Amino acid sequence: MKETLDMVTPLVGDPDRFHTLADLERMLMALPRLPTDRCRVALMVRRVQEGEREILDRMVLAPGEGVPGDRWIRKPQPNPETQLAVMQKDVAELIANGQPLTLFGDNLFLELDLSFTNLPPGSRLRAGSAILEVTSTAHTPCKKFQVRFGEDAVRFVSNPELGHRKLRGIYMRPVEMGEIRTGDLVEVISRVPVIAELKKMHV
């Protein structure tokens, strides 16, 4: 079975759509609370060449391989902790302000609470038939993020007081092979206790 996809080629953002920091913080507080245990896959993206994205309807994930064809695997020394870049859909929509979510370069967009307190590193989720694990590698904004969403968006996702919200998103890695389709159920199957994870971070 072949995957179906749409090709999009985002390059730079539209400055007329860049929000101010004050607006971003105000709108964040107005967002409704998202589910903590289960959701559906909202969007799946493969990063091809620089500035090119493919929107996928399905993908098969396997440990150590990331998204098949994604540019992660073509790095000289791909970090196994960053195989899947994942972002909370409502936060992405807030920052994008009408621009396509593919501008972010993330692989999965979920309508799920991705905060540290809900999904600390080591937590596992079943997405479709694949099992994914949240990694401890920080997902931070790069220069391209600033070009696409503005300086205030960088300050917004980098605010240490909001760090627990993981506004820029998190990284996951496949730990059991499986297929994911758009609309598939994503369910949290285990969590690492937050207190244990905090102790590990301060060792």
Protein backbone atom coordinates (compact mmCIF):
# COMPACT_ATOMS: atom_id res chain seq x y z
CA MET A 1 0.00 0.00 0.00
CA LYS A 2 1.40 3.36 -0.98
CA GLU A 3 1.26 6.38 1.26
CA THR A 4 -0.70 9.33 -0.06
CA LEU A 5 0.80 12.78 0.26
CA ASP A 6 0.59 16.41 -0.71
CA MET A 7 3.76 18.38 -1.41
CA VAL A 8 4.14 21.82 0.11
CA THR A 9 7.19 24.07 -0.01
CA PRO A 10 7.23 26.61 2.82
CA LEU A 11 10.21 28.95 2.79
CA VAL A 12 9.66 32.01 4.96
CA GLY A 13 6.85 33.32 7.09
CA ASP A 14 4.54 36.26 6.50
CA PRO A 15 5.57 39.15 8.81
CA ASP A 16 2.02 40.51 8.64
CA ARG A 17 0.95 37.39 10.56
CA PHE A 18 3.59 37.56 13.28
CA HIS A 19 1.99 37.96 16.72
CA THR A 20 3.46 40.13 19.46
CA LEU A 21 4.65 38.44 22.63
CA ALA A 22 1.83 40.02 24.61
CA ASP A 23 -0.76 38.67 22.19
CA LEU A 24 0.77 35.18 22.22
CA GLU A 25 0.76 35.04 26.01
CA ARG A 26 -2.79 36.36 26.21
CA MET A 27 -4.12 33.88 23.66
CA LEU A 28 -2.27 30.99 25.29
CA MET A 29 -4.16 31.61 28.52
CA ALA A 30 -7.44 31.51 26.57
CA LEU A 31 -6.81 28.11 24.98
CA PRO A 32 -9.11 25.36 26.23
CA ARG A 33 -7.58 22.49 28.16
CA LEU A 34 -6.58 19.58 25.93
CA PRO A 35 -6.98 15.87 26.65
CA THR A 36 -4.23 14.35 28.77
CA ASP A 37 -4.60 10.65 27.92
CA ARG A 38 -5.78 10.23 24.34
CA CYS A 39 -6.33 12.13 21.11
CA ARG A 40 -6.25 11.67 17.34
CA VAL A 41 -3.40 12.27 14.92
CA ALA A 42 -4.16 15.68 13.41
CA LEU A 43 -1.31 16.07 10.90
CA MET A 44 1.76 14.09 9.78
CA VAL A 45 4.64 15.71 7.90
CA ARG A 46 7.83 14.49 6.28
CA ARG A 47 10.72 16.91 5.80
CA VAL A 48 12.28 16.22 2.41
CA GLN A 49 14.80 18.66 0.95
CA GLU A 50 15.48 22.02 2.57
CA GLY A 51 12.22 23.96 2.71
CA GLU A 52 10.14 21.08 1.32
CA ARG A 53 7.45 19.20 3.21
CA GLU A 54 5.18 16.30 2.39
CA ILE A 55 1.87 15.89 4.21
CA LEU A 56 1.37 12.17 4.78
CA ASP A 57 -1.80 10.14 5.27
CA ARG A 58 0.15 7.16 6.62
CA MET A 59 3.63 6.21 7.67
CA VAL A 60 5.35 3.16 9.09
CA LEU A 61 7.73 3.84 11.96
CA ALA A 62 10.49 1.56 13.23
CA PRO A 63 13.06 2.00 16.00
CA GLY A 64 16.12 3.91 14.84
CA GLU A 65 14.61 4.89 11.49
CA GLY A 66 12.42 7.89 12.23
CA VAL A 67 9.93 8.91 9.53
CA PRO A 68 10.89 7.03 6.33
CA GLY A 69 12.46 9.51 3.90
CA ASP A 70 12.64 12.31 6.45
CA ARG A 71 15.81 14.39 6.43
CA TRP A 72 16.56 13.30 10.01
CA ILE A 73 17.99 10.01 8.74
CA ARG A 74 20.20 11.81 6.21
CA LYS A 75 22.13 13.71 8.87
CA PRO A 76 25.79 12.63 9.25
CA GLN A 77 25.13 11.41 12.80
CA PRO A 78 21.36 11.41 13.41
CA ASN A 79 20.47 11.74 17.09
CA PRO A 80 18.21 8.80 18.02
CA GLU A 81 16.52 11.03 20.60
CA THR A 82 15.19 13.43 17.93
CA GLN A 83 13.62 11.02 15.44
CA LEU A 84 10.14 12.56 15.70
CA ALA A 85 9.48 16.24 16.32
CA VAL A 86 6.02 16.60 17.86
CA MET A 87 3.99 19.74 18.52
CA GLN A 88 0.71 20.55 20.21
CA LYS A 89 -1.69 21.51 17.43
CA ASP A 90 -3.45 24.37 19.20
CA VAL A 91 -0.17 26.07 20.16
CA ALA A 92 1.12 25.65 16.61
CA GLU A 93 -2.04 27.25 15.21
CA LEU A 94 -1.73 30.12 17.66
CA ILE A 95 1.85 30.87 16.58
CA ALA A 96 1.24 30.28 12.86
CA ASN A 97 -1.75 32.65 12.80
CA GLY A 98 -3.19 31.25 9.58
CA GLN A 99 0.08 30.12 8.03
CA PRO A 100 0.43 26.40 7.20
CA LEU A 101 1.55 24.22 10.10
CA THR A 102 4.09 22.61 7.80
CA LEU A 103 6.20 25.76 8.30
CA PHE A 104 7.26 24.38 11.68
CA GLY A 105 9.09 21.37 10.30
CA ASP A 106 7.62 19.06 12.94
CA ASN A 107 6.52 15.53 12.05
CA LEU A 108 3.43 15.05 14.21
CA PHE A 109 0.76 17.49 15.38
CA LEU A 110 -1.43 16.21 18.19
CA GLU A 111 -4.41 17.58 20.08
CA LEU A 112 -2.87 16.39 23.34
CA ASP A 113 -1.32 18.02 26.41
CA LEU A 114 2.44 17.72 25.75
CA SER A 115 3.52 19.48 28.95
CA PHE A 116 6.31 18.13 31.13
CA THR A 117 3.90 17.33 33.94
CA ASN A 118 1.65 15.28 31.64
CA LEU A 119 4.31 13.60 29.47
CA PRO A 120 7.68 13.59 31.24
CA PRO A 121 10.58 11.95 29.37
CA GLY A 122 10.24 8.19 29.27
CA SER A 123 6.46 8.30 28.92
CA ARG A 124 5.13 6.00 26.20
CA LEU A 125 2.22 6.40 23.80
CA ARG A 126 0.53 4.09 21.32
CA ALA A 127 -0.07 5.89 18.03
CA GLY A 128 -1.90 3.67 15.56
CA SER A 129 -0.02 0.40 15.98
CA ALA A 130 3.35 2.05 16.79
CA ILE A 131 4.73 2.64 20.29
CA LEU A 132 6.50 5.97 20.83
CA GLU A 133 8.58 7.20 23.75
CA VAL A 134 9.06 10.81 24.86
CA THR A 135 12.78 11.66 24.98
CA SER A 136 14.61 14.10 27.24
CA THR A 137 16.18 16.16 24.42
CA ALA A 138 14.92 19.76 24.47
CA HIS A 139 13.06 20.99 21.37
CA THR A 140 14.30 24.57 20.94
CA PRO A 141 13.61 27.22 18.25
CA CYS A 142 16.22 27.71 15.53
CA LYS A 143 16.95 30.68 13.25
CA LYS A 144 14.43 29.35 10.73
CA PHE A 145 11.75 29.48 13.41
CA GLN A 146 12.43 33.19 13.86
CA VAL A 147 12.26 33.81 10.09
CA ARG A 148 8.94 32.00 9.86
CA PHE A 149 7.20 33.30 12.98
CA GLY A 150 9.11 36.34 14.25
CA GLU A 151 11.31 37.27 17.20
CA ASP A 152 8.41 37.47 19.63
CA ALA A 153 7.44 33.88 18.82
CA VAL A 154 10.99 32.80 19.73
CA ARG A 155 10.73 34.68 23.03
CA PHE A 156 7.32 33.10 23.63
CA VAL A 157 8.43 29.47 23.26
CA SER A 158 11.73 30.18 25.08
CA ASN A 159 10.17 31.79 28.17
CA PRO A 160 11.55 29.80 31.14
CA GLU A 161 8.39 30.51 33.13
CA LEU A 162 6.45 28.57 30.48
CA GLY A 163 9.11 25.93 29.94
CA HIS A 164 6.99 23.18 31.51
CA ARG A 165 4.37 23.75 28.80
CA LYS A 166 6.80 22.61 26.06
CA LEU A 167 5.41 25.24 23.68
CA ARG A 168 7.98 24.49 20.98
CA GLY A 169 7.07 20.83 21.26
CA ILE A 170 8.86 17.65 22.27
CA TYR A 171 10.81 14.82 20.68
CA MET A 172 9.74 11.19 20.55
CA ARG A 173 11.34 8.03 19.25
CA PRO A 174 9.71 4.82 18.00
CA VAL A 175 10.31 1.87 20.31
CA GLU A 176 8.01 -0.64 18.60
CA MET A 177 7.35 -0.78 14.86
CA GLY A 178 3.91 0.12 13.64
CA GLU A 179 1.80 2.11 11.20
CA ILE A 180 0.20 5.48 11.89
CA ARG A 181 -2.54 7.08 9.83
CA THR A 182 -4.06 10.53 10.03
CA GLY A 183 -6.97 10.32 12.46
CA ASP A 184 -5.57 7.32 14.32
CA LEU A 185 -5.96 7.12 18.06
CA VAL A 186 -3.00 8.22 20.18
CA GLU A 187 -3.13 6.93 23.75
CA VAL A 188 -0.76 7.35 26.69
CA ILE A 189 0.12 3.86 27.94
CA SER A 190 2.71 4.70 30.62
CA ARG A 191 4.23 7.69 32.37
CA VAL A 192 7.46 8.21 34.27
CA PRO A 193 6.67 9.84 37.63
CA VAL A 194 7.47 13.55 37.42
CA ILE A 195 9.30 13.59 40.77
CA ALA A 196 11.68 10.85 39.61
CA GLU A 197 12.35 12.68 36.38
CA LEU A 198 13.06 15.96 38.19
CA LYS A 199 15.56 14.22 40.45
CA LYS A 200 17.31 12.74 37.41
CA MET A 201 17.56 16.18 35.79
CA HIS A 202 19.25 17.63 38.88
CA VAL A 203 21.81 14.87 39.45
